[in-house]
Amino acid sequence: MASTKLLTLVVRTLAKPISNRIKQTAKEHETFRSMCVSLAQRMHRGEVQLRTNILGEPPKSIRPLSEAKAIDSGANAIAEGFLFGVAALLIIGESYRSSRSQAKRRDVVDDQIDDLKSQVQGLSETVKKLEETFEERWTFEQHRNDELNRVLNRMVDVGLRSGWSEFEDTPIRIPKVEIRPQSTLGSDSPAEKTTPPEIVVSTS
């Protein structure tokens, strides 16, 4: 509401010099003067009829305006109408520009959302492929470990069975160790020559 009053005040303030220029032009040009007078008389009749209908007064004859008054009123109406028209065009143009900007921003945001959706979809497919590859490798490794364990157990089993069959009828023999005392050799010197003890190992 305050912005409307401010706009009206601005338009009326700016309309004064334009109205003066229109009045000067009406005085110089007969056709333009006739147009201003005709417009002012119609506005005057419409205003009086509207006031009469609103107040409920009985209809009465409408006295036309004088030429000077009509020129003044018509010039003011044309000036204010021109300024209001310019203001309306500016408002409409700004609204249109703002709506276009918002539409462009929405288009940009929609494109970004579509790109993000495509990226997320691509990442989901990549993760799915990695999961499948991991599961395949995991299954392969499990089978491989199972096969290696089976082969290892088989080898151990075969080795143990072969060893048992080889030593099944062979008794275990403990070797016999015999230690012979050291011997003394005769010599001319007072010191005696000795030899170290001899160790003999026999399996009998």
C-alpha atoms as a PDB file:
ATOM      1  CA  MET A   1       0.000   0.000   0.000  1.00  0.00           C
ATOM      2  CA  ALA A   2       2.809   2.428   0.909  1.00  0.00           C
ATOM      3  CA  SER A   3       4.664   1.603  -2.307  1.00  0.00           C
ATOM      4  CA  THR A   4       1.514   2.364  -4.341  1.00  0.00           C
ATOM      5  CA  LYS A   5       1.124   5.772  -2.699  1.00  0.00           C
ATOM      6  CA  LEU A   6       4.803   6.489  -3.279  1.00  0.00           C
ATOM      7  CA  LEU A   7       4.504   5.521  -6.938  1.00  0.00           C
ATOM      8  CA  THR A   8       1.437   7.737  -7.358  1.00  0.00           C
ATOM      9  CA  LEU A   9       3.248  10.682  -5.772  1.00  0.00           C
ATOM     10  CA  VAL A  10       6.272  10.192  -8.024  1.00  0.00           C
ATOM     11  CA  VAL A  11       4.105   9.953 -11.131  1.00  0.00           C
ATOM     12  CA  ARG A  12       2.159  13.112 -10.276  1.00  0.00           C
ATOM     13  CA  THR A  13       5.360  14.991  -9.510  1.00  0.00           C
ATOM     14  CA  LEU A  14       6.927  13.999 -12.800  1.00  0.00           C
ATOM     15  CA  ALA A  15       3.658  14.631 -14.650  1.00  0.00           C
ATOM     16  CA  LYS A  16       3.690  18.360 -13.928  1.00  0.00           C
ATOM     17  CA  PRO A  17       6.427  19.346 -16.409  1.00  0.00           C
ATOM     18  CA  ILE A  18       5.017  16.945 -18.985  1.00  0.00           C
ATOM     19  CA  SER A  19       1.541  18.417 -18.443  1.00  0.00           C
ATOM     20  CA  ASN A  20       2.883  21.928 -18.925  1.00  0.00           C
ATOM     21  CA  ARG A  21       4.510  20.833 -22.160  1.00  0.00           C
ATOM     22  CA  ILE A  22       1.254  19.254 -23.325  1.00  0.00           C
ATOM     23  CA  LYS A  23      -0.668  22.439 -22.492  1.00  0.00           C
ATOM     24  CA  GLN A  24       1.782  24.483 -24.550  1.00  0.00           C
ATOM     25  CA  THR A  25       1.413  22.038 -27.440  1.00  0.00           C
ATOM     26  CA  ALA A  26      -2.414  22.171 -27.162  1.00  0.00           C
ATOM     27  CA  LYS A  27      -2.349  25.920 -27.427  1.00  0.00           C
ATOM     28  CA  GLU A  28      -0.234  25.755 -30.565  1.00  0.00           C
ATOM     29  CA  HIS A  29      -2.016  22.857 -32.346  1.00  0.00           C
ATOM     30  CA  GLU A  30      -5.755  22.918 -32.930  1.00  0.00           C
ATOM     31  CA  THR A  31      -6.131  19.162 -33.417  1.00  0.00           C
ATOM     32  CA  PHE A  32      -4.273  18.296 -30.228  1.00  0.00           C
ATOM     33  CA  ARG A  33      -6.240  20.957 -28.327  1.00  0.00           C
ATOM     34  CA  SER A  34      -9.514  19.426 -29.543  1.00  0.00           C
ATOM     35  CA  MET A  35      -8.340  15.973 -28.435  1.00  0.00           C
ATOM     36  CA  CYS A  36      -7.443  17.271 -24.947  1.00  0.00           C
ATOM     37  CA  VAL A  37     -10.769  19.096 -24.584  1.00  0.00           C
ATOM     38  CA  SER A  38     -12.762  16.062 -25.756  1.00  0.00           C
ATOM     39  CA  LEU A  39     -10.917  13.781 -23.340  1.00  0.00           C
ATOM     40  CA  ALA A  40     -11.406  16.166 -20.437  1.00  0.00           C
ATOM     41  CA  GLN A  41     -15.154  16.584 -21.139  1.00  0.00           C
ATOM     42  CA  ARG A  42     -15.685  12.800 -21.257  1.00  0.00           C
ATOM     43  CA  MET A  43     -13.765  12.345 -18.011  1.00  0.00           C
ATOM     44  CA  HIS A  44     -15.805  15.118 -16.402  1.00  0.00           C
ATOM     45  CA  ARG A  45     -19.126  13.586 -17.451  1.00  0.00           C
ATOM     46  CA  GLY A  46     -18.058  10.144 -16.287  1.00  0.00           C
ATOM     47  CA  GLU A  47     -16.934  11.506 -12.909  1.00  0.00           C
ATOM     48  CA  VAL A  48     -20.194  13.378 -12.357  1.00  0.00           C
ATOM     49  CA  GLN A  49     -22.315  10.357 -13.315  1.00  0.00           C
ATOM     50  CA  LEU A  50     -20.311   8.069 -11.052  1.00  0.00           C
ATOM     51  CA  ARG A  51     -20.634  10.451  -8.103  1.00  0.00           C
ATOM     52  CA  THR A  52     -24.381  10.795  -8.743  1.00  0.00           C
ATOM     53  CA  ASN A  53     -24.877   7.024  -8.827  1.00  0.00           C
ATOM     54  CA  ILE A  54     -22.832   6.450  -5.685  1.00  0.00           C
ATOM     55  CA  LEU A  55     -24.527   9.193  -3.676  1.00  0.00           C
ATOM     56  CA  GLY A  56     -27.982   8.292  -5.015  1.00  0.00           C
ATOM     57  CA  GLU A  57     -28.699  11.799  -6.206  1.00  0.00           C
ATOM     58  CA  PRO A  58     -31.306  12.370  -8.925  1.00  0.00           C
ATOM     59  CA  PRO A  59     -29.828  12.739 -12.432  1.00  0.00           C
ATOM     60  CA  LYS A  60     -29.221  16.267 -13.499  1.00  0.00           C
ATOM     61  CA  SER A  61     -27.806  18.045 -16.495  1.00  0.00           C
ATOM     62  CA  ILE A  62     -24.026  18.143 -16.591  1.00  0.00           C
ATOM     63  CA  ARG A  63     -22.473  21.496 -17.307  1.00  0.00           C
ATOM     64  CA  PRO A  64     -19.385  21.150 -19.512  1.00  0.00           C
ATOM     65  CA  LEU A  65     -15.996  22.464 -18.471  1.00  0.00           C
ATOM     66  CA  SER A  66     -14.555  25.671 -19.870  1.00  0.00           C
ATOM     67  CA  GLU A  67     -11.957  25.333 -22.604  1.00  0.00           C
ATOM     68  CA  ALA A  68      -9.073  26.397 -20.347  1.00  0.00           C
ATOM     69  CA  LYS A  69     -10.139  23.972 -17.628  1.00  0.00           C
ATOM     70  CA  ALA A  70     -10.667  21.214 -20.155  1.00  0.00           C
ATOM     71  CA  ILE A  71      -7.210  21.748 -21.656  1.00  0.00           C
ATOM     72  CA  ASP A  72      -5.637  21.723 -18.186  1.00  0.00           C
ATOM     73  CA  SER A  73      -7.522  18.586 -17.129  1.00  0.00           C
ATOM     74  CA  GLY A  74      -6.860  16.789 -20.412  1.00  0.00           C
ATOM     75  CA  ALA A  75      -3.159  17.647 -20.348  1.00  0.00           C
ATOM     76  CA  ASN A  76      -2.825  16.353 -16.762  1.00  0.00           C
ATOM     77  CA  ALA A  77      -4.688  13.159 -17.660  1.00  0.00           C
ATOM     78  CA  ILE A  78      -2.463  12.522 -20.704  1.00  0.00           C
ATOM     79  CA  ALA A  79       0.728  13.204 -18.729  1.00  0.00           C
ATOM     80  CA  GLU A  80      -0.284  10.994 -15.807  1.00  0.00           C
ATOM     81  CA  GLY A  81      -1.498   8.271 -18.152  1.00  0.00           C
ATOM     82  CA  PHE A  82       1.798   8.375 -20.019  1.00  0.00           C
ATOM     83  CA  LEU A  83       3.826   8.104 -16.828  1.00  0.00           C
ATOM     84  CA  PHE A  84       1.617   5.370 -15.414  1.00  0.00           C
ATOM     85  CA  GLY A  85       1.968   3.504 -18.686  1.00  0.00           C
ATOM     86  CA  VAL A  86       5.760   3.825 -18.585  1.00  0.00           C
ATOM     87  CA  ALA A  87       5.814   2.695 -14.959  1.00  0.00           C
ATOM     88  CA  ALA A  88       3.562  -0.252 -15.784  1.00  0.00           C
ATOM     89  CA  LEU A  89       5.803  -1.233 -18.682  1.00  0.00           C
ATOM     90  CA  LEU A  90       8.865  -1.025 -16.441  1.00  0.00           C
ATOM     91  CA  ILE A  91       7.188  -3.183 -13.793  1.00  0.00           C
ATOM     92  CA  ILE A  92       6.035  -5.697 -16.395  1.00  0.00           C
ATOM     93  CA  GLY A  93       9.481  -5.766 -17.975  1.00  0.00           C
ATOM     94  CA  GLU A  94      11.175  -6.293 -14.605  1.00  0.00           C
ATOM     95  CA  SER A  95       8.708  -9.033 -13.724  1.00  0.00           C
ATOM     96  CA  TYR A  96       9.316 -10.713 -17.068  1.00  0.00           C
ATOM     97  CA  ARG A  97      13.087 -10.450 -16.652  1.00  0.00           C
ATOM     98  CA  SER A  98      12.881 -11.821 -13.126  1.00  0.00           C
ATOM     99  CA  SER A  99      10.698 -14.706 -14.259  1.00  0.00           C
ATOM    100  CA  ARG A 100      13.115 -15.469 -17.105  1.00  0.00           C
ATOM    101  CA  SER A 101      16.043 -15.404 -14.679  1.00  0.00           C
ATOM    102  CA  GLN A 102      14.231 -17.738 -12.313  1.00  0.00           C
ATOM    103  CA  ALA A 103      13.354 -20.021 -15.206  1.00  0.00           C
ATOM    104  CA  LYS A 104      17.003 -20.096 -16.296  1.00  0.00           C
ATOM    105  CA  ARG A 105      18.114 -20.827 -12.731  1.00  0.00           C
ATOM    106  CA  ARG A 106      15.567 -23.621 -12.529  1.00  0.00           C
ATOM    107  CA  ASP A 107      16.834 -25.018 -15.812  1.00  0.00           C
ATOM    108  CA  VAL A 108      20.420 -24.884 -14.545  1.00  0.00           C
ATOM    109  CA  VAL A 109      19.437 -26.555 -11.274  1.00  0.00           C
ATOM    110  CA  ASP A 110      17.471 -29.217 -13.163  1.00  0.00           C
ATOM    111  CA  ASP A 111      20.468 -29.897 -15.398  1.00  0.00           C
ATOM    112  CA  GLN A 112      22.746 -30.179 -12.363  1.00  0.00           C
ATOM    113  CA  ILE A 113      20.295 -32.545 -10.684  1.00  0.00           C
ATOM    114  CA  ASP A 114      20.159 -34.670 -13.849  1.00  0.00           C
ATOM    115  CA  ASP A 115      23.970 -34.760 -13.964  1.00  0.00           C
ATOM    116  CA  LEU A 116      24.141 -35.771 -10.308  1.00  0.00           C
ATOM    117  CA  LYS A 117      21.557 -38.493 -10.912  1.00  0.00           C
ATOM    118  CA  SER A 118      23.594 -39.792 -13.845  1.00  0.00           C
ATOM    119  CA  GLN A 119      26.768 -39.771 -11.735  1.00  0.00           C
ATOM    120  CA  VAL A 120      25.049 -41.547  -8.856  1.00  0.00           C
ATOM    121  CA  GLN A 121      23.649 -44.132 -11.253  1.00  0.00           C
ATOM    122  CA  GLY A 122      27.082 -44.665 -12.780  1.00  0.00           C
ATOM    123  CA  LEU A 123      28.670 -45.027  -9.336  1.00  0.00           C
ATOM    124  CA  SER A 124      25.961 -47.484  -8.310  1.00  0.00           C
ATOM    125  CA  GLU A 125      26.638 -49.597 -11.388  1.00  0.00           C
ATOM    126  CA  THR A 126      30.394 -49.467 -10.716  1.00  0.00           C
ATOM    127  CA  VAL A 127      29.903 -50.514  -7.081  1.00  0.00           C
ATOM    128  CA  LYS A 128      27.612 -53.323  -8.211  1.00  0.00           C
ATOM    129  CA  LYS A 129      30.215 -54.573 -10.689  1.00  0.00           C
ATOM    130  CA  LEU A 130      32.922 -54.383  -8.008  1.00  0.00           C
ATOM    131  CA  GLU A 131      30.729 -56.357  -5.629  1.00  0.00           C
ATOM    132  CA  GLU A 132      30.157 -59.016  -8.270  1.00  0.00           C
ATOM    133  CA  THR A 133      33.882 -59.162  -9.043  1.00  0.00           C
ATOM    134  CA  PHE A 134      34.724 -59.391  -5.332  1.00  0.00           C
ATOM    135  CA  GLU A 135      32.201 -62.164  -4.820  1.00  0.00           C
ATOM    136  CA  GLU A 136      33.617 -64.070  -7.785  1.00  0.00           C
ATOM    137  CA  ARG A 137      37.184 -63.673  -6.506  1.00  0.00           C
ATOM    138  CA  TRP A 138      36.124 -64.603  -2.991  1.00  0.00           C
ATOM    139  CA  THR A 139      34.376 -67.732  -4.254  1.00  0.00           C
ATOM    140  CA  PHE A 140      37.416 -68.607  -6.361  1.00  0.00           C
ATOM    141  CA  GLU A 141      39.779 -68.131  -3.416  1.00  0.00           C
ATOM    142  CA  GLN A 142      37.539 -70.242  -1.178  1.00  0.00           C
ATOM    143  CA  HIS A 143      37.487 -73.042  -3.728  1.00  0.00           C
ATOM    144  CA  ARG A 144      41.227 -72.717  -4.167  1.00  0.00           C
ATOM    145  CA  ASN A 145      41.881 -72.845  -0.417  1.00  0.00           C
ATOM    146  CA  ASP A 146      39.567 -75.821  -0.073  1.00  0.00           C
ATOM    147  CA  GLU A 147      41.381 -77.592  -2.905  1.00  0.00           C
ATOM    148  CA  LEU A 148      44.789 -76.786  -1.419  1.00  0.00           C
ATOM    149  CA  ASN A 149      43.678 -78.017   2.008  1.00  0.00           C
ATOM    150  CA  ARG A 150      42.316 -81.182   0.443  1.00  0.00           C
ATOM    151  CA  VAL A 151      45.548 -81.790  -1.489  1.00  0.00           C
ATOM    152  CA  LEU A 152      47.684 -81.015   1.577  1.00  0.00           C
ATOM    153  CA  ASN A 153      45.665 -83.328   3.789  1.00  0.00           C
ATOM    154  CA  ARG A 154      45.888 -86.003   1.126  1.00  0.00           C
ATOM    155  CA  MET A 155      49.657 -85.587   0.870  1.00  0.00           C
ATOM    156  CA  VAL A 156      50.069 -85.737   4.645  1.00  0.00           C
ATOM    157  CA  ASP A 157      47.832 -88.762   4.817  1.00  0.00           C
ATOM    158  CA  VAL A 158      49.717 -90.539   2.032  1.00  0.00           C
ATOM    159  CA  GLY A 159      53.076 -89.648   3.587  1.00  0.00           C
ATOM    160  CA  LEU A 160      52.074 -90.888   6.995  1.00  0.00           C
ATOM    161  CA  ARG A 161      50.642 -94.069   5.598  1.00  0.00           C
ATOM    162  CA  SER A 162      53.802 -94.677   3.539  1.00  0.00           C
ATOM    163  CA  GLY A 163      56.028 -94.108   6.584  1.00  0.00           C
ATOM    164  CA  TRP A 164      54.009 -96.419   8.771  1.00  0.00           C
ATOM    165  CA  SER A 165      54.009 -99.188   6.201  1.00  0.00           C
ATOM    166  CA  GLU A 166      57.809 -98.849   5.795  1.00  0.00           C
ATOM    167  CA  PHE A 167      58.631 -99.080   9.517  1.00  0.00           C
ATOM    168  CA  GLU A 168      55.691-101.268  10.516  1.00  0.00           C
ATOM    169  CA  ASP A 169      57.746-104.564  10.864  1.00  0.00           C
ATOM    170  CA  THR A 170      61.113-102.953  11.718  1.00  0.00           C
ATOM    171  CA  PRO A 171      61.954-102.776  15.438  1.00  0.00           C
ATOM    172  CA  ILE A 172      63.608 -99.706  16.767  1.00  0.00           C
ATOM    173  CA  ARG A 173      67.245-100.382  17.678  1.00  0.00           C
ATOM    174  CA  ILE A 174      69.047 -98.261  20.259  1.00  0.00           C
ATOM    175  CA  PRO A 175      72.787 -97.958  19.538  1.00  0.00           C
ATOM    176  CA  LYS A 176      75.263 -99.195  22.219  1.00  0.00           C
ATOM    177  CA  VAL A 177      78.008 -96.839  23.250  1.00  0.00           C
ATOM    178  CA  GLU A 178      81.295 -98.278  24.762  1.00  0.00           C
ATOM    179  CA  ILE A 179      83.977 -96.070  26.283  1.00  0.00           C
ATOM    180  CA  ARG A 180      87.469 -97.579  26.539  1.00  0.00           C
ATOM    181  CA  PRO A 181      89.907 -96.182  29.174  1.00  0.00           C
ATOM    182  CA  GLN A 182      92.942 -94.217  28.106  1.00  0.00           C
ATOM    183  CA  SER A 183      96.261 -96.065  27.699  1.00  0.00           C
ATOM    184  CA  THR A 184      99.709 -95.034  29.002  1.00  0.00           C
ATOM    185  CA  LEU A 185     102.750 -95.353  26.726  1.00  0.00           C
ATOM    186  CA  GLY A 186     106.260 -95.925  28.148  1.00  0.00           C
ATOM    187  CA  SER A 187     108.986 -93.373  27.488  1.00  0.00           C
ATOM    188  CA  ASP A 188     112.490 -92.476  28.613  1.00  0.00           C
ATOM    189  CA  SER A 189     111.397 -89.118  30.028  1.00  0.00           C
ATOM    190  CA  PRO A 190     109.924 -88.867  33.437  1.00  0.00           C
ATOM    191  CA  ALA A 191     106.685 -87.428  31.960  1.00  0.00           C
ATOM    192  CA  GLU A 192     104.243 -89.990  30.736  1.00  0.00           C
ATOM    193  CA  LYS A 193     102.543 -89.796  27.399  1.00  0.00           C
ATOM    194  CA  THR A 194      98.780 -90.492  27.483  1.00  0.00           C
ATOM    195  CA  THR A 195      96.145 -90.946  24.726  1.00  0.00           C
ATOM    196  CA  PRO A 196      92.504 -89.805  24.945  1.00  0.00           C
ATOM    197  CA  PRO A 197      89.773 -92.377  25.696  1.00  0.00           C
ATOM    198  CA  GLU A 198      88.289 -94.258  22.689  1.00  0.00           C
ATOM    199  CA  ILE A 199      84.530 -94.321  22.091  1.00  0.00           C
ATOM    200  CA  VAL A 200      83.106 -97.294  20.199  1.00  0.00           C
ATOM    201  CA  VAL A 201      79.505 -97.385  19.002  1.00  0.00           C
ATOM    202  CA  SER A 202      77.925-100.704  18.104  1.00  0.00           C
ATOM    203  CA  THR A 203      74.334-101.577  17.121  1.00  0.00           C
ATOM    204  CA  SER A 204      74.453-105.206  18.305  1.00  0.00           C
END
